[in-house]
C-alpha atoms as a PDB file:
ATOM      1  CA  MET A   1       0.000   0.000   0.000  1.00  0.00           C
ATOM      2  CA  CYS A   2       1.293   3.425  -0.891  1.00  0.00           C
ATOM      3  CA  SER A   3       1.863   5.829   1.987  1.00  0.00           C
ATOM      4  CA  LYS A   4       0.205   9.231   2.176  1.00  0.00           C
ATOM      5  CA  ASP A   5       3.496  10.840   1.090  1.00  0.00           C
ATOM      6  CA  CYS A   6       3.714   8.480  -1.878  1.00  0.00           C
ATOM      7  CA  LYS A   7       0.223   9.483  -2.973  1.00  0.00           C
ATOM      8  CA  LYS A   8       1.126  13.161  -2.633  1.00  0.00           C
ATOM      9  CA  TYR A   9       4.179  12.522  -4.794  1.00  0.00           C
ATOM     10  CA  GLY A  10       2.000  10.800  -7.393  1.00  0.00           C
ATOM     11  CA  ILE A  11      -0.389  13.734  -7.528  1.00  0.00           C
ATOM     12  CA  ALA A  12       2.496  16.238  -7.684  1.00  0.00           C
ATOM     13  CA  ALA A  13       4.236  14.225 -10.406  1.00  0.00           C
ATOM     14  CA  GLY A  14       1.085  13.786 -12.486  1.00  0.00           C
ATOM     15  CA  THR A  15       0.287  17.456 -12.172  1.00  0.00           C
ATOM     16  CA  SER A  16       3.862  18.325 -13.196  1.00  0.00           C
ATOM     17  CA  VAL A  17       3.597  16.168 -16.318  1.00  0.00           C
ATOM     18  CA  VAL A  18       0.348  17.857 -17.371  1.00  0.00           C
ATOM     19  CA  LEU A  19       1.643  21.349 -16.549  1.00  0.00           C
ATOM     20  CA  VAL A  20       4.988  21.016 -18.312  1.00  0.00           C
ATOM     21  CA  THR A  21       3.236  19.640 -21.400  1.00  0.00           C
ATOM     22  CA  ALA A  22       0.734  22.501 -21.396  1.00  0.00           C
ATOM     23  CA  MET A  23       3.345  25.187 -20.745  1.00  0.00           C
ATOM     24  CA  GLU A  24       5.627  23.877 -23.478  1.00  0.00           C
ATOM     25  CA  PHE A  25       2.694  23.921 -25.905  1.00  0.00           C
ATOM     26  CA  VAL A  26       1.895  27.534 -24.990  1.00  0.00           C
ATOM     27  CA  VAL A  27       5.522  28.684 -25.226  1.00  0.00           C
ATOM     28  CA  HIS A  28       6.539  26.880 -28.399  1.00  0.00           C
ATOM     29  CA  HIS A  29       3.312  26.492 -30.352  1.00  0.00           C
ATOM     30  CA  LEU A  30       1.560  29.738 -29.449  1.00  0.00           C
ATOM     31  CA  ILE A  31       4.164  32.277 -28.350  1.00  0.00           C
ATOM     32  CA  LEU A  32       7.330  31.355 -30.280  1.00  0.00           C
ATOM     33  CA  SER A  33       5.736  29.825 -33.371  1.00  0.00           C
ATOM     34  CA  PRO A  34       5.927  33.094 -35.368  1.00  0.00           C
ATOM     35  CA  THR A  35       9.644  33.280 -34.592  1.00  0.00           C
ATOM     36  CA  TYR A  36      10.174  29.662 -35.614  1.00  0.00           C
ATOM     37  CA  GLN A  37       8.506  30.373 -38.962  1.00  0.00           C
ATOM     38  CA  LYS A  38      10.794  33.276 -39.863  1.00  0.00           C
ATOM     39  CA  PRO A  39      12.804  32.580 -43.036  1.00  0.00           C
ATOM     40  CA  GLU A  40      16.133  32.579 -41.191  1.00  0.00           C
ATOM     41  CA  PHE A  41      14.949  29.780 -38.895  1.00  0.00           C
ATOM     42  CA  ALA A  42      12.349  27.846 -40.895  1.00  0.00           C
ATOM     43  CA  SER A  43      14.846  25.538 -42.601  1.00  0.00           C
ATOM     44  CA  ILE A  44      16.494  24.259 -39.402  1.00  0.00           C
ATOM     45  CA  TRP A  45      13.405  22.559 -37.944  1.00  0.00           C
ATOM     46  CA  ASN A  46      11.950  19.194 -38.840  1.00  0.00           C
ATOM     47  CA  THR A  47       8.872  19.268 -41.028  1.00  0.00           C
ATOM     48  CA  PRO A  48       5.486  19.253 -39.273  1.00  0.00           C
ATOM     49  CA  GLU A  49       4.981  15.682 -40.530  1.00  0.00           C
ATOM     50  CA  THR A  50       8.257  14.545 -38.973  1.00  0.00           C
ATOM     51  CA  MET A  51       7.473  16.335 -35.715  1.00  0.00           C
ATOM     52  CA  ASN A  52       4.019  14.754 -35.597  1.00  0.00           C
ATOM     53  CA  SER A  53       5.495  11.299 -36.161  1.00  0.00           C
ATOM     54  CA  ARG A  54       7.950  11.905 -33.301  1.00  0.00           C
ATOM     55  CA  MET A  55       5.359  13.292 -30.888  1.00  0.00           C
ATOM     56  CA  PRO A  56       5.592  10.222 -28.615  1.00  0.00           C
ATOM     57  CA  ALA A  57       9.240  11.143 -27.956  1.00  0.00           C
ATOM     58  CA  MET A  58       8.207  14.677 -27.007  1.00  0.00           C
ATOM     59  CA  LEU A  59       5.492  13.404 -24.693  1.00  0.00           C
ATOM     60  CA  LEU A  60       7.917  10.935 -23.120  1.00  0.00           C
ATOM     61  CA  ALA A  61      10.368  13.787 -22.510  1.00  0.00           C
ATOM     62  CA  HIS A  62       7.656  15.827 -20.770  1.00  0.00           C
ATOM     63  CA  ALA A  63       6.557  12.813 -18.719  1.00  0.00           C
ATOM     64  CA  LEU A  64      10.110  12.070 -17.580  1.00  0.00           C
ATOM     65  CA  PHE A  65      10.739  15.713 -16.757  1.00  0.00           C
ATOM     66  CA  GLY A  66       7.564  16.016 -14.681  1.00  0.00           C
ATOM     67  CA  LEU A  67       8.130  12.757 -12.807  1.00  0.00           C
ATOM     68  CA  VAL A  68      11.778  13.472 -12.041  1.00  0.00           C
ATOM     69  CA  PHE A  69      11.134  17.141 -11.222  1.00  0.00           C
ATOM     70  CA  ALA A  70       8.616  16.178  -8.543  1.00  0.00           C
ATOM     71  CA  TRP A  71      10.748  13.290  -7.262  1.00  0.00           C
ATOM     72  CA  ILE A  72      13.824  15.479  -6.748  1.00  0.00           C
ATOM     73  CA  TYR A  73      11.677  18.017  -4.868  1.00  0.00           C
ATOM     74  CA  THR A  74      10.503  15.295  -2.476  1.00  0.00           C
ATOM     75  CA  LYS A  75      14.099  14.294  -1.742  1.00  0.00           C
ATOM     76  CA  GLY A  76      15.126  17.819  -0.797  1.00  0.00           C
ATOM     77  CA  TYR A  77      11.975  18.764   1.121  1.00  0.00           C
ATOM     78  CA  GLU A  78      12.794  20.348   4.478  1.00  0.00           C
ATOM     79  CA  GLU A  79      10.033  19.811   7.033  1.00  0.00           C
ATOM     80  CA  ALA A  80      10.951  22.867   9.118  1.00  0.00           C
ATOM     81  CA  LYS A  81      10.786  25.348   6.235  1.00  0.00           C
ATOM     82  CA  PRO A  82       7.723  26.796   4.486  1.00  0.00           C
ATOM     83  CA  PRO A  83       6.879  24.878   1.305  1.00  0.00           C
ATOM     84  CA  LEU A  84       6.401  27.749  -1.171  1.00  0.00           C
ATOM     85  CA  PRO A  85       9.866  29.299  -0.765  1.00  0.00           C
ATOM     86  CA  GLN A  86      11.332  25.791  -1.067  1.00  0.00           C
ATOM     87  CA  GLY A  87       9.388  25.204  -4.274  1.00  0.00           C
ATOM     88  CA  LEU A  88      10.404  28.539  -5.771  1.00  0.00           C
ATOM     89  CA  ARG A  89      14.053  28.054  -4.828  1.00  0.00           C
ATOM     90  CA  TYR A  90      13.992  24.574  -6.321  1.00  0.00           C
ATOM     91  CA  GLY A  91      12.196  25.774  -9.452  1.00  0.00           C
ATOM     92  CA  LEU A  92      14.745  28.539  -9.989  1.00  0.00           C
ATOM     93  CA  MET A  93      17.663  26.147  -9.606  1.00  0.00           C
ATOM     94  CA  ALA A  94      16.038  23.546 -11.882  1.00  0.00           C
ATOM     95  CA  GLY A  95      15.295  26.203 -14.510  1.00  0.00           C
ATOM     96  CA  LEU A  96      18.853  27.480 -14.448  1.00  0.00           C
ATOM     97  CA  LEU A  97      20.274  23.962 -14.536  1.00  0.00           C
ATOM     98  CA  THR A  98      18.115  22.547 -17.306  1.00  0.00           C
ATOM     99  CA  GLY A  99      16.713  25.452 -19.309  1.00  0.00           C
ATOM    100  CA  VAL A 100      19.538  27.935 -19.368  1.00  0.00           C
ATOM    101  CA  HIS A 101      22.056  25.169 -19.987  1.00  0.00           C
ATOM    102  CA  SER A 102      20.018  23.783 -22.901  1.00  0.00           C
ATOM    103  CA  ALA A 103      19.374  27.226 -24.369  1.00  0.00           C
ATOM    104  CA  LEU A 104      23.075  28.103 -24.365  1.00  0.00           C
ATOM    105  CA  ILE A 105      24.042  24.761 -25.883  1.00  0.00           C
ATOM    106  CA  ASN A 106      21.350  25.119 -28.559  1.00  0.00           C
ATOM    107  CA  TYR A 107      22.533  28.667 -29.276  1.00  0.00           C
ATOM    108  CA  PHE A 108      25.989  27.219 -29.913  1.00  0.00           C
ATOM    109  CA  VAL A 109      24.749  24.301 -32.060  1.00  0.00           C
ATOM    110  CA  TYR A 110      21.926  25.809 -34.124  1.00  0.00           C
ATOM    111  CA  PRO A 111      21.862  28.968 -36.232  1.00  0.00           C
ATOM    112  CA  VAL A 112      19.400  30.789 -33.978  1.00  0.00           C
ATOM    113  CA  SER A 113      19.505  34.314 -32.635  1.00  0.00           C
ATOM    114  CA  CYS A 114      20.610  35.231 -29.156  1.00  0.00           C
ATOM    115  CA  GLY A 115      17.098  36.564 -28.625  1.00  0.00           C
ATOM    116  CA  LEU A 116      15.535  33.192 -29.370  1.00  0.00           C
ATOM    117  CA  ALA A 117      17.998  31.415 -27.080  1.00  0.00           C
ATOM    118  CA  CYS A 118      17.210  33.933 -24.332  1.00  0.00           C
ATOM    119  CA  SER A 119      13.498  33.289 -24.878  1.00  0.00           C
ATOM    120  CA  TRP A 120      14.089  29.565 -24.419  1.00  0.00           C
ATOM    121  CA  ALA A 121      16.092  30.177 -21.250  1.00  0.00           C
ATOM    122  CA  ALA A 122      13.544  32.586 -19.771  1.00  0.00           C
ATOM    123  CA  ALA A 123      10.644  30.286 -20.600  1.00  0.00           C
ATOM    124  CA  ALA A 124      12.391  27.366 -18.922  1.00  0.00           C
ATOM    125  CA  VAL A 125      13.052  29.334 -15.746  1.00  0.00           C
ATOM    126  CA  VAL A 126       9.464  30.611 -15.587  1.00  0.00           C
ATOM    127  CA  GLU A 127       8.085  27.123 -16.252  1.00  0.00           C
ATOM    128  CA  CYS A 128      10.245  25.615 -13.514  1.00  0.00           C
ATOM    129  CA  LEU A 129       9.275  28.363 -11.060  1.00  0.00           C
ATOM    130  CA  ILE A 130       5.608  27.584 -11.724  1.00  0.00           C
ATOM    131  CA  LEU A 131       6.222  23.853 -11.396  1.00  0.00           C
ATOM    132  CA  GLY A 132       8.146  24.389  -8.169  1.00  0.00           C
ATOM    133  CA  ALA A 133       5.317  26.435  -6.686  1.00  0.00           C
ATOM    134  CA  VAL A 134       2.695  23.876  -7.712  1.00  0.00           C
ATOM    135  CA  VAL A 135       4.700  20.899  -6.455  1.00  0.00           C
ATOM    136  CA  SER A 136       5.339  22.679  -3.153  1.00  0.00           C
ATOM    137  CA  PHE A 137       1.604  23.253  -2.766  1.00  0.00           C
ATOM    138  CA  ILE A 138       0.765  19.593  -3.431  1.00  0.00           C
ATOM    139  CA  TYR A 139       3.646  17.773  -1.756  1.00  0.00           C
ATOM    140  CA  ARG A 140       3.510  18.559   1.950  1.00  0.00           C
ATOM    141  CA  PRO A 141       4.405  15.329   3.689  1.00  0.00           C
ATOM    142  CA  HIS A 142       3.599  14.162   7.175  1.00  0.00           C
ATOM    143  CA  SER A 143       1.826  16.857   9.182  1.00  0.00           C
ATOM    144  CA  HIS A 144       1.094  19.349   6.369  1.00  0.00           C
END
């Protein structure tokens, strides 16, 4: 039988998977799509058909990110400290570690503008801050 903390992790992880998928859709499909379609960038992306055929890989990436994001939070949770600041601190560090790192590497590898790379980095940090806040609200083990 799963403990109460295990169930809270499951809810936090499931919520993280849904949120990261939704936020990535908003950022890349709605907000940055016009940038991606600019002539200077259009030729570097896979075709829509190729992307659609690889969608399971994208969804797997979001699922793994959400599950691991929540799991790492549970391992660093400090009972004596308020949850929200812990979640925001964790989200900031996760965003800097994953998003800024990836954006800088992609800026080096692909012929994209510094502005686009900065947009990727900023989006990742904001997404992780939101995820950190949400996970901290859901995962409050023991007495919370």
